[in-house]
């Protein structure tokens, strides 16, 4: 009886590893003073807000801070804090809501056929599953190039927040329709998923609060984006929240050992919900 049980457990572990992809930013202080310094952390894990996999700073493509004074490119002095990539972030003196943005460089990965289908289904990418079937590729490994785009909202006093609700110009991003730091428990958050500046409809978007309990590979709140790329969630708990989604498109014309058939963009938005 032990051998079948071991096999089942191994399958579950392998399946879990496929969804241990979430990438998000966090701050040592969600309500910071203008001009103060906070610790910014970049995290990878299968259960927000706990990081479980360290990100090499060499993989960071860019860090940007958007605020009332405009857009500023940041050159962080990274360090490791447990499984998180950390750096000090100096906020400008102007009061307002700030948006920190981190982009992670693309990386190639090849996944076994069955595992790739499981992963696609879990992320709500059934259209990719169908396209692979149409192309006769269901039995082939998934050859994917993925990038990560993370946003973090930090409130530093009362001030402008238009930059939070406007696109940041990323390849893929989640854009809140209102400044999420102004919301309270029981309010509805509306976010729009954009890819190349255009709304993405039918995408699976998940949301989870820091105190949520449950399976590592599930999100308490889920929804599909509408024709305008918008999904809405009723926020039912105070504290930090992670909103995330995955967008995938077909690639072509590549050759070589790391030629990808698919390109995915992992997006996240983190903010703190006041009580």
C-alpha atoms as a PDB file:
ATOM      1  CA  UNK A   1       0.000   0.000   0.000  1.00  0.00           C
ATOM      2  CA  UNK A   2       2.895   2.344   0.619  1.00  0.00           C
ATOM      3  CA  UNK A   3       4.191   2.426  -2.962  1.00  0.00           C
ATOM      4  CA  UNK A   4       0.949   3.763  -4.541  1.00  0.00           C
ATOM      5  CA  UNK A   5       0.722   6.361  -1.769  1.00  0.00           C
ATOM      6  CA  UNK A   6       4.279   7.513  -2.435  1.00  0.00           C
ATOM      7  CA  UNK A   7       3.518   7.810  -6.150  1.00  0.00           C
ATOM      8  CA  UNK A   8       0.407   9.895  -5.437  1.00  0.00           C
ATOM      9  CA  UNK A   9       2.361  12.178  -3.126  1.00  0.00           C
ATOM     10  CA  UNK A  10       5.077  12.653  -5.744  1.00  0.00           C
ATOM     11  CA  UNK A  11       2.469  13.568  -8.338  1.00  0.00           C
ATOM     12  CA  UNK A  12       0.977  16.129  -5.974  1.00  0.00           C
ATOM     13  CA  UNK A  13       4.379  17.608  -5.237  1.00  0.00           C
ATOM     14  CA  UNK A  14       5.163  17.888  -8.947  1.00  0.00           C
ATOM     15  CA  UNK A  15       1.780  19.487  -9.619  1.00  0.00           C
ATOM     16  CA  UNK A  16       2.338  21.985  -6.807  1.00  0.00           C
ATOM     17  CA  UNK A  17       5.728  22.938  -8.235  1.00  0.00           C
ATOM     18  CA  UNK A  18       4.011  24.016 -11.433  1.00  0.00           C
ATOM     19  CA  UNK A  19       2.019  26.682  -9.597  1.00  0.00           C
ATOM     20  CA  UNK A  20       4.749  27.881  -7.223  1.00  0.00           C
ATOM     21  CA  UNK A  21       5.343  30.745  -9.598  1.00  0.00           C
ATOM     22  CA  UNK A  22       3.701  33.756  -8.027  1.00  0.00           C
ATOM     23  CA  UNK A  23       5.963  36.783  -7.879  1.00  0.00           C
ATOM     24  CA  UNK A  24       5.118  39.874  -5.870  1.00  0.00           C
ATOM     25  CA  UNK A  25       6.573  42.926  -4.182  1.00  0.00           C
ATOM     26  CA  UNK A  26       6.092  43.867  -0.537  1.00  0.00           C
ATOM     27  CA  UNK A  27       7.004  46.801   1.676  1.00  0.00           C
ATOM     28  CA  UNK A  28       8.214  46.990   5.271  1.00  0.00           C
ATOM     29  CA  UNK A  29       5.675  49.795   5.726  1.00  0.00           C
ATOM     30  CA  UNK A  30       2.358  50.214   3.925  1.00  0.00           C
ATOM     31  CA  UNK A  31       1.634  53.625   5.431  1.00  0.00           C
ATOM     32  CA  UNK A  32       4.961  55.413   5.091  1.00  0.00           C
ATOM     33  CA  UNK A  33       5.883  59.021   5.739  1.00  0.00           C
ATOM     34  CA  UNK A  34       6.785  61.166   2.728  1.00  0.00           C
ATOM     35  CA  UNK A  35      10.543  61.213   2.292  1.00  0.00           C
ATOM     36  CA  UNK A  36      11.062  58.103   4.412  1.00  0.00           C
ATOM     37  CA  UNK A  37      12.883  54.880   3.552  1.00  0.00           C
ATOM     38  CA  UNK A  38      11.114  51.528   3.309  1.00  0.00           C
ATOM     39  CA  UNK A  39      12.424  48.061   2.603  1.00  0.00           C
ATOM     40  CA  UNK A  40      11.225  46.717  -0.728  1.00  0.00           C
ATOM     41  CA  UNK A  41      11.194  42.933  -1.091  1.00  0.00           C
ATOM     42  CA  UNK A  42      10.720  40.804  -4.208  1.00  0.00           C
ATOM     43  CA  UNK A  43       9.185  37.427  -3.464  1.00  0.00           C
ATOM     44  CA  UNK A  44       8.461  34.141  -5.207  1.00  0.00           C
ATOM     45  CA  UNK A  45       6.270  31.536  -3.525  1.00  0.00           C
ATOM     46  CA  UNK A  46       3.197  29.366  -3.631  1.00  0.00           C
ATOM     47  CA  UNK A  47       1.398  31.048  -0.730  1.00  0.00           C
ATOM     48  CA  UNK A  48       1.259  34.812  -0.323  1.00  0.00           C
ATOM     49  CA  UNK A  49       2.791  36.502   1.670  1.00  0.00           C
ATOM     50  CA  UNK A  50       5.508  33.893   2.424  1.00  0.00           C
ATOM     51  CA  UNK A  51       8.456  33.749   0.026  1.00  0.00           C
ATOM     52  CA  UNK A  52       9.845  30.314  -0.768  1.00  0.00           C
ATOM     53  CA  UNK A  53      12.329  30.886  -3.580  1.00  0.00           C
ATOM     54  CA  UNK A  54      15.079  33.482  -3.823  1.00  0.00           C
ATOM     55  CA  UNK A  55      15.313  35.688  -6.923  1.00  0.00           C
ATOM     56  CA  UNK A  56      18.830  36.340  -8.170  1.00  0.00           C
ATOM     57  CA  UNK A  57      19.320  40.129  -8.526  1.00  0.00           C
ATOM     58  CA  UNK A  58      20.873  39.472 -11.944  1.00  0.00           C
ATOM     59  CA  UNK A  59      17.382  38.561 -13.140  1.00  0.00           C
ATOM     60  CA  UNK A  60      15.989  42.010 -12.329  1.00  0.00           C
ATOM     61  CA  UNK A  61      15.543  44.002 -15.522  1.00  0.00           C
ATOM     62  CA  UNK A  62      14.333  47.265 -13.985  1.00  0.00           C
ATOM     63  CA  UNK A  63      12.874  48.921 -10.899  1.00  0.00           C
ATOM     64  CA  UNK A  64      10.776  52.057 -11.280  1.00  0.00           C
ATOM     65  CA  UNK A  65       9.007  54.340  -8.822  1.00  0.00           C
ATOM     66  CA  UNK A  66       6.001  56.324 -10.017  1.00  0.00           C
ATOM     67  CA  UNK A  67       4.681  59.137  -7.861  1.00  0.00           C
ATOM     68  CA  UNK A  68       3.273  62.660  -7.811  1.00  0.00           C
ATOM     69  CA  UNK A  69       6.565  63.937  -9.237  1.00  0.00           C
ATOM     70  CA  UNK A  70       6.588  61.507 -12.146  1.00  0.00           C
ATOM     71  CA  UNK A  71       8.571  58.387 -13.016  1.00  0.00           C
ATOM     72  CA  UNK A  72      11.973  57.662 -11.477  1.00  0.00           C
ATOM     73  CA  UNK A  73      14.299  54.795 -12.414  1.00  0.00           C
ATOM     74  CA  UNK A  74      15.697  53.169  -9.261  1.00  0.00           C
ATOM     75  CA  UNK A  75      19.081  51.473  -8.947  1.00  0.00           C
ATOM     76  CA  UNK A  76      18.631  49.381  -5.784  1.00  0.00           C
ATOM     77  CA  UNK A  77      21.450  47.994  -3.684  1.00  0.00           C
ATOM     78  CA  UNK A  78      20.050  44.481  -3.349  1.00  0.00           C
ATOM     79  CA  UNK A  79      20.644  42.121  -0.460  1.00  0.00           C
ATOM     80  CA  UNK A  80      19.188  38.781   0.589  1.00  0.00           C
ATOM     81  CA  UNK A  81      16.724  38.536   3.464  1.00  0.00           C
ATOM     82  CA  UNK A  82      15.880  34.850   3.953  1.00  0.00           C
ATOM     83  CA  UNK A  83      14.169  33.873   0.679  1.00  0.00           C
ATOM     84  CA  UNK A  84      13.409  37.438  -0.387  1.00  0.00           C
ATOM     85  CA  UNK A  85      15.389  39.836  -2.533  1.00  0.00           C
ATOM     86  CA  UNK A  86      15.485  43.104  -0.568  1.00  0.00           C
ATOM     87  CA  UNK A  87      16.563  46.690  -1.088  1.00  0.00           C
ATOM     88  CA  UNK A  88      16.019  50.065   0.562  1.00  0.00           C
ATOM     89  CA  UNK A  89      13.620  52.323  -1.317  1.00  0.00           C
ATOM     90  CA  UNK A  90      13.776  56.053  -0.629  1.00  0.00           C
ATOM     91  CA  UNK A  91      10.430  57.763  -1.116  1.00  0.00           C
ATOM     92  CA  UNK A  92      10.358  61.336  -2.427  1.00  0.00           C
ATOM     93  CA  UNK A  93       9.267  64.087  -0.019  1.00  0.00           C
ATOM     94  CA  UNK A  94       6.044  64.854  -1.901  1.00  0.00           C
ATOM     95  CA  UNK A  95       2.998  63.258  -0.190  1.00  0.00           C
ATOM     96  CA  UNK A  96       0.832  60.897  -2.203  1.00  0.00           C
ATOM     97  CA  UNK A  97       0.418  57.305  -3.306  1.00  0.00           C
ATOM     98  CA  UNK A  98       3.486  55.693  -4.875  1.00  0.00           C
ATOM     99  CA  UNK A  99       3.727  52.780  -7.262  1.00  0.00           C
ATOM    100  CA  UNK A 100       6.858  50.605  -7.279  1.00  0.00           C
ATOM    101  CA  UNK A 101       7.297  48.469 -10.392  1.00  0.00           C
ATOM    102  CA  UNK A 102       9.751  45.616 -10.950  1.00  0.00           C
ATOM    103  CA  UNK A 103      10.321  43.750 -14.196  1.00  0.00           C
ATOM    104  CA  UNK A 104      12.063  40.364 -14.238  1.00  0.00           C
ATOM    105  CA  UNK A 105      13.990  39.334 -17.350  1.00  0.00           C
ATOM    106  CA  UNK A 106      12.566  36.604 -19.588  1.00  0.00           C
ATOM    107  CA  UNK A 107      13.559  33.008 -18.925  1.00  0.00           C
ATOM    108  CA  UNK A 108      13.100  29.889 -21.032  1.00  0.00           C
ATOM    109  CA  UNK A 109      11.563  26.731 -19.593  1.00  0.00           C
ATOM    110  CA  UNK A 110      10.534  23.377 -21.062  1.00  0.00           C
ATOM    111  CA  UNK A 111       7.750  21.392 -19.369  1.00  0.00           C
ATOM    112  CA  UNK A 112       6.632  17.811 -19.998  1.00  0.00           C
ATOM    113  CA  UNK A 113       3.419  17.560 -22.072  1.00  0.00           C
ATOM    114  CA  UNK A 114       1.053  16.379 -19.340  1.00  0.00           C
ATOM    115  CA  UNK A 115       2.491  18.798 -16.777  1.00  0.00           C
ATOM    116  CA  UNK A 116       2.197  21.660 -19.248  1.00  0.00           C
ATOM    117  CA  UNK A 117      -1.490  20.898 -19.799  1.00  0.00           C
ATOM    118  CA  UNK A 118      -2.049  20.767 -16.025  1.00  0.00           C
ATOM    119  CA  UNK A 119      -0.299  24.083 -15.578  1.00  0.00           C
ATOM    120  CA  UNK A 120      -2.252  25.748 -18.409  1.00  0.00           C
ATOM    121  CA  UNK A 121      -5.570  24.514 -17.048  1.00  0.00           C
ATOM    122  CA  UNK A 122      -4.721  25.689 -13.535  1.00  0.00           C
ATOM    123  CA  UNK A 123      -3.953  29.188 -14.843  1.00  0.00           C
ATOM    124  CA  UNK A 124      -7.176  29.375 -16.829  1.00  0.00           C
ATOM    125  CA  UNK A 125      -5.357  29.146 -20.166  1.00  0.00           C
ATOM    126  CA  UNK A 126      -7.698  26.627 -21.759  1.00  0.00           C
ATOM    127  CA  UNK A 127      -7.467  28.469 -25.076  1.00  0.00           C
ATOM    128  CA  UNK A 128      -3.762  27.533 -25.188  1.00  0.00           C
ATOM    129  CA  UNK A 129      -4.667  23.914 -24.442  1.00  0.00           C
ATOM    130  CA  UNK A 130      -7.152  24.010 -27.334  1.00  0.00           C
ATOM    131  CA  UNK A 131      -4.625  25.635 -29.654  1.00  0.00           C
ATOM    132  CA  UNK A 132      -2.039  22.975 -28.861  1.00  0.00           C
ATOM    133  CA  UNK A 133      -4.650  20.318 -29.655  1.00  0.00           C
ATOM    134  CA  UNK A 134      -5.505  22.028 -32.939  1.00  0.00           C
ATOM    135  CA  UNK A 135      -1.827  22.161 -33.895  1.00  0.00           C
ATOM    136  CA  UNK A 136      -1.230  18.550 -32.903  1.00  0.00           C
ATOM    137  CA  UNK A 137       1.173  19.599 -30.126  1.00  0.00           C
ATOM    138  CA  UNK A 138      -0.595  18.168 -27.074  1.00  0.00           C
ATOM    139  CA  UNK A 139       1.938  15.353 -26.864  1.00  0.00           C
ATOM    140  CA  UNK A 140       4.915  17.686 -27.161  1.00  0.00           C
ATOM    141  CA  UNK A 141       6.708  19.457 -24.295  1.00  0.00           C
ATOM    142  CA  UNK A 142       5.643  23.015 -23.579  1.00  0.00           C
ATOM    143  CA  UNK A 143       8.425  25.372 -24.605  1.00  0.00           C
ATOM    144  CA  UNK A 144       7.766  28.680 -22.915  1.00  0.00           C
ATOM    145  CA  UNK A 145       9.504  31.969 -22.264  1.00  0.00           C
ATOM    146  CA  UNK A 146       8.113  33.787 -19.247  1.00  0.00           C
ATOM    147  CA  UNK A 147       8.586  37.253 -17.759  1.00  0.00           C
ATOM    148  CA  UNK A 148       7.323  38.796 -14.530  1.00  0.00           C
ATOM    149  CA  UNK A 149       5.803  42.227 -13.956  1.00  0.00           C
ATOM    150  CA  UNK A 150       5.092  43.234 -10.375  1.00  0.00           C
ATOM    151  CA  UNK A 151       3.480  46.352  -8.944  1.00  0.00           C
ATOM    152  CA  UNK A 152       3.341  47.559  -5.332  1.00  0.00           C
ATOM    153  CA  UNK A 153       1.198  50.422  -4.015  1.00  0.00           C
ATOM    154  CA  UNK A 154       2.550  52.394  -1.036  1.00  0.00           C
ATOM    155  CA  UNK A 155       0.675  55.259   0.578  1.00  0.00           C
ATOM    156  CA  UNK A 156       2.805  58.156   1.843  1.00  0.00           C
ATOM    157  CA  UNK A 157       0.319  60.738   3.020  1.00  0.00           C
ATOM    158  CA  UNK A 158      -2.521  62.389   1.154  1.00  0.00           C
ATOM    159  CA  UNK A 159      -1.740  63.427  -2.386  1.00  0.00           C
ATOM    160  CA  UNK A 160      -2.138  62.608  -6.087  1.00  0.00           C
ATOM    161  CA  UNK A 161      -2.645  58.998  -7.183  1.00  0.00           C
ATOM    162  CA  UNK A 162      -3.482  59.258 -10.897  1.00  0.00           C
ATOM    163  CA  UNK A 163      -0.317  57.331 -11.785  1.00  0.00           C
ATOM    164  CA  UNK A 164      -1.634  54.316  -9.837  1.00  0.00           C
ATOM    165  CA  UNK A 165      -4.794  54.062 -11.947  1.00  0.00           C
ATOM    166  CA  UNK A 166      -3.036  54.683 -15.272  1.00  0.00           C
ATOM    167  CA  UNK A 167      -1.057  52.068 -17.246  1.00  0.00           C
ATOM    168  CA  UNK A 168       2.645  51.973 -16.435  1.00  0.00           C
ATOM    169  CA  UNK A 169       3.584  50.956 -19.974  1.00  0.00           C
ATOM    170  CA  UNK A 170       4.468  47.351 -19.150  1.00  0.00           C
ATOM    171  CA  UNK A 171       4.147  44.480 -21.605  1.00  0.00           C
ATOM    172  CA  UNK A 172       1.448  43.122 -19.301  1.00  0.00           C
ATOM    173  CA  UNK A 173       0.011  44.684 -16.167  1.00  0.00           C
ATOM    174  CA  UNK A 174      -2.893  44.867 -13.751  1.00  0.00           C
ATOM    175  CA  UNK A 175      -4.237  48.411 -13.474  1.00  0.00           C
ATOM    176  CA  UNK A 176      -6.612  49.274 -10.597  1.00  0.00           C
ATOM    177  CA  UNK A 177      -9.474  51.571 -11.595  1.00  0.00           C
ATOM    178  CA  UNK A 178      -9.260  53.367  -8.235  1.00  0.00           C
ATOM    179  CA  UNK A 179      -6.421  53.895  -5.772  1.00  0.00           C
ATOM    180  CA  UNK A 180      -6.729  50.658  -3.733  1.00  0.00           C
ATOM    181  CA  UNK A 181      -5.316  52.335  -0.604  1.00  0.00           C
ATOM    182  CA  UNK A 182      -8.562  54.342  -0.367  1.00  0.00           C
ATOM    183  CA  UNK A 183     -10.719  51.208  -0.136  1.00  0.00           C
ATOM    184  CA  UNK A 184     -12.035  49.579   3.018  1.00  0.00           C
ATOM    185  CA  UNK A 185     -13.187  46.092   3.956  1.00  0.00           C
ATOM    186  CA  UNK A 186     -16.311  45.213   1.991  1.00  0.00           C
ATOM    187  CA  UNK A 187     -15.494  47.553  -0.881  1.00  0.00           C
ATOM    188  CA  UNK A 188     -15.165  46.337  -4.463  1.00  0.00           C
ATOM    189  CA  UNK A 189     -11.839  46.490  -6.254  1.00  0.00           C
ATOM    190  CA  UNK A 190     -11.933  46.701 -10.044  1.00  0.00           C
ATOM    191  CA  UNK A 191      -8.718  45.952 -11.943  1.00  0.00           C
ATOM    192  CA  UNK A 192      -8.008  45.858 -15.666  1.00  0.00           C
ATOM    193  CA  UNK A 193      -5.596  43.388 -17.269  1.00  0.00           C
ATOM    194  CA  UNK A 194      -3.642  44.886 -20.155  1.00  0.00           C
ATOM    195  CA  UNK A 195      -1.204  43.264 -22.577  1.00  0.00           C
ATOM    196  CA  UNK A 196       0.700  45.530 -24.950  1.00  0.00           C
ATOM    197  CA  UNK A 197      -1.617  48.295 -23.780  1.00  0.00           C
ATOM    198  CA  UNK A 198      -4.800  46.481 -24.815  1.00  0.00           C
ATOM    199  CA  UNK A 199      -7.473  44.913 -22.569  1.00  0.00           C
ATOM    200  CA  UNK A 200      -7.334  41.135 -22.195  1.00  0.00           C
ATOM    201  CA  UNK A 201     -10.756  39.490 -22.000  1.00  0.00           C
ATOM    202  CA  UNK A 202     -11.514  36.066 -20.570  1.00  0.00           C
ATOM    203  CA  UNK A 203      -8.348  35.936 -18.444  1.00  0.00           C
ATOM    204  CA  UNK A 204      -8.406  34.222 -15.075  1.00  0.00           C
ATOM    205  CA  UNK A 205      -7.471  36.682 -12.319  1.00  0.00           C
ATOM    206  CA  UNK A 206      -7.000  35.601  -8.705  1.00  0.00           C
ATOM    207  CA  UNK A 207      -6.825  37.550  -5.451  1.00  0.00           C
ATOM    208  CA  UNK A 208      -5.695  36.536  -1.979  1.00  0.00           C
ATOM    209  CA  UNK A 209      -5.200  38.336   1.320  1.00  0.00           C
ATOM    210  CA  UNK A 210      -2.238  37.754   3.607  1.00  0.00           C
ATOM    211  CA  UNK A 211      -4.324  36.041   6.282  1.00  0.00           C
ATOM    212  CA  UNK A 212      -6.096  33.602   3.976  1.00  0.00           C
ATOM    213  CA  UNK A 213      -5.970  29.882   4.705  1.00  0.00           C
ATOM    214  CA  UNK A 214      -6.258  27.057   2.218  1.00  0.00           C
ATOM    215  CA  UNK A 215      -4.424  25.092  -0.416  1.00  0.00           C
ATOM    216  CA  UNK A 216      -1.197  26.685  -1.716  1.00  0.00           C
ATOM    217  CA  UNK A 217      -2.359  26.395  -5.323  1.00  0.00           C
ATOM    218  CA  UNK A 218      -5.700  28.147  -4.895  1.00  0.00           C
ATOM    219  CA  UNK A 219      -6.923  31.742  -4.538  1.00  0.00           C
ATOM    220  CA  UNK A 220      -9.968  32.586  -2.417  1.00  0.00           C
ATOM    221  CA  UNK A 221     -11.227  35.064  -5.013  1.00  0.00           C
ATOM    222  CA  UNK A 222     -11.253  34.338  -8.749  1.00  0.00           C
ATOM    223  CA  UNK A 223     -12.819  35.953 -11.746  1.00  0.00           C
ATOM    224  CA  UNK A 224     -12.650  36.196 -15.527  1.00  0.00           C
ATOM    225  CA  UNK A 225     -11.947  39.554 -17.119  1.00  0.00           C
ATOM    226  CA  UNK A 226     -14.765  41.034 -19.178  1.00  0.00           C
ATOM    227  CA  UNK A 227     -14.611  42.532 -22.680  1.00  0.00           C
ATOM    228  CA  UNK A 228     -12.840  45.595 -21.230  1.00  0.00           C
ATOM    229  CA  UNK A 229     -10.295  43.430 -19.424  1.00  0.00           C
ATOM    230  CA  UNK A 230     -11.874  44.243 -16.057  1.00  0.00           C
ATOM    231  CA  UNK A 231     -12.537  41.911 -13.139  1.00  0.00           C
ATOM    232  CA  UNK A 232     -14.063  42.883  -9.793  1.00  0.00           C
ATOM    233  CA  UNK A 233     -13.523  41.512  -6.306  1.00  0.00           C
ATOM    234  CA  UNK A 234     -15.224  42.281  -2.996  1.00  0.00           C
ATOM    235  CA  UNK A 235     -12.354  42.659  -0.534  1.00  0.00           C
ATOM    236  CA  UNK A 236     -13.410  40.824   2.592  1.00  0.00           C
ATOM    237  CA  UNK A 237     -10.386  41.232   4.876  1.00  0.00           C
ATOM    238  CA  UNK A 238      -8.063  44.084   5.881  1.00  0.00           C
ATOM    239  CA  UNK A 239      -4.314  43.908   5.366  1.00  0.00           C
ATOM    240  CA  UNK A 240      -2.066  43.135   2.380  1.00  0.00           C
ATOM    241  CA  UNK A 241      -3.636  41.765  -0.799  1.00  0.00           C
ATOM    242  CA  UNK A 242      -2.142  40.133  -3.885  1.00  0.00           C
ATOM    243  CA  UNK A 243      -3.948  40.241  -7.247  1.00  0.00           C
ATOM    244  CA  UNK A 244      -2.360  38.186 -10.019  1.00  0.00           C
ATOM    245  CA  UNK A 245      -2.846  36.765 -13.492  1.00  0.00           C
ATOM    246  CA  UNK A 246      -1.010  35.077 -16.351  1.00  0.00           C
ATOM    247  CA  UNK A 247      -1.266  36.048 -20.012  1.00  0.00           C
ATOM    248  CA  UNK A 248       0.149  33.765 -22.732  1.00  0.00           C
ATOM    249  CA  UNK A 249       0.551  34.202 -26.484  1.00  0.00           C
ATOM    250  CA  UNK A 250       1.945  32.109 -29.319  1.00  0.00           C
ATOM    251  CA  UNK A 251       5.498  32.766 -30.488  1.00  0.00           C
ATOM    252  CA  UNK A 252       6.996  31.883 -33.827  1.00  0.00           C
ATOM    253  CA  UNK A 253      10.052  32.098 -35.983  1.00  0.00           C
ATOM    254  CA  UNK A 254      12.525  31.044 -33.301  1.00  0.00           C
ATOM    255  CA  UNK A 255      15.243  28.434 -33.650  1.00  0.00           C
ATOM    256  CA  UNK A 256      17.853  26.876 -31.421  1.00  0.00           C
ATOM    257  CA  UNK A 257      17.792  24.921 -28.171  1.00  0.00           C
ATOM    258  CA  UNK A 258      15.800  27.626 -26.361  1.00  0.00           C
ATOM    259  CA  UNK A 259      13.278  28.366 -29.098  1.00  0.00           C
ATOM    260  CA  UNK A 260       9.956  29.019 -27.363  1.00  0.00           C
ATOM    261  CA  UNK A 261       6.525  28.245 -28.772  1.00  0.00           C
ATOM    262  CA  UNK A 262       4.751  30.320 -26.130  1.00  0.00           C
ATOM    263  CA  UNK A 263       5.425  33.537 -24.259  1.00  0.00           C
ATOM    264  CA  UNK A 264       3.830  34.196 -20.872  1.00  0.00           C
ATOM    265  CA  UNK A 265       3.615  37.355 -18.800  1.00  0.00           C
ATOM    266  CA  UNK A 266       3.049  36.965 -15.048  1.00  0.00           C
ATOM    267  CA  UNK A 267       1.474  40.041 -13.515  1.00  0.00           C
ATOM    268  CA  UNK A 268       0.868  41.006  -9.897  1.00  0.00           C
ATOM    269  CA  UNK A 269      -0.486  43.936  -7.910  1.00  0.00           C
ATOM    270  CA  UNK A 270      -0.014  44.238  -4.138  1.00  0.00           C
ATOM    271  CA  UNK A 271      -1.546  46.815  -1.804  1.00  0.00           C
ATOM    272  CA  UNK A 272      -2.675  47.152   1.801  1.00  0.00           C
ATOM    273  CA  UNK A 273      -6.392  47.363   2.568  1.00  0.00           C
ATOM    274  CA  UNK A 274      -7.187  49.627   5.510  1.00  0.00           C
ATOM    275  CA  UNK A 275      -9.502  48.370   8.248  1.00  0.00           C
END
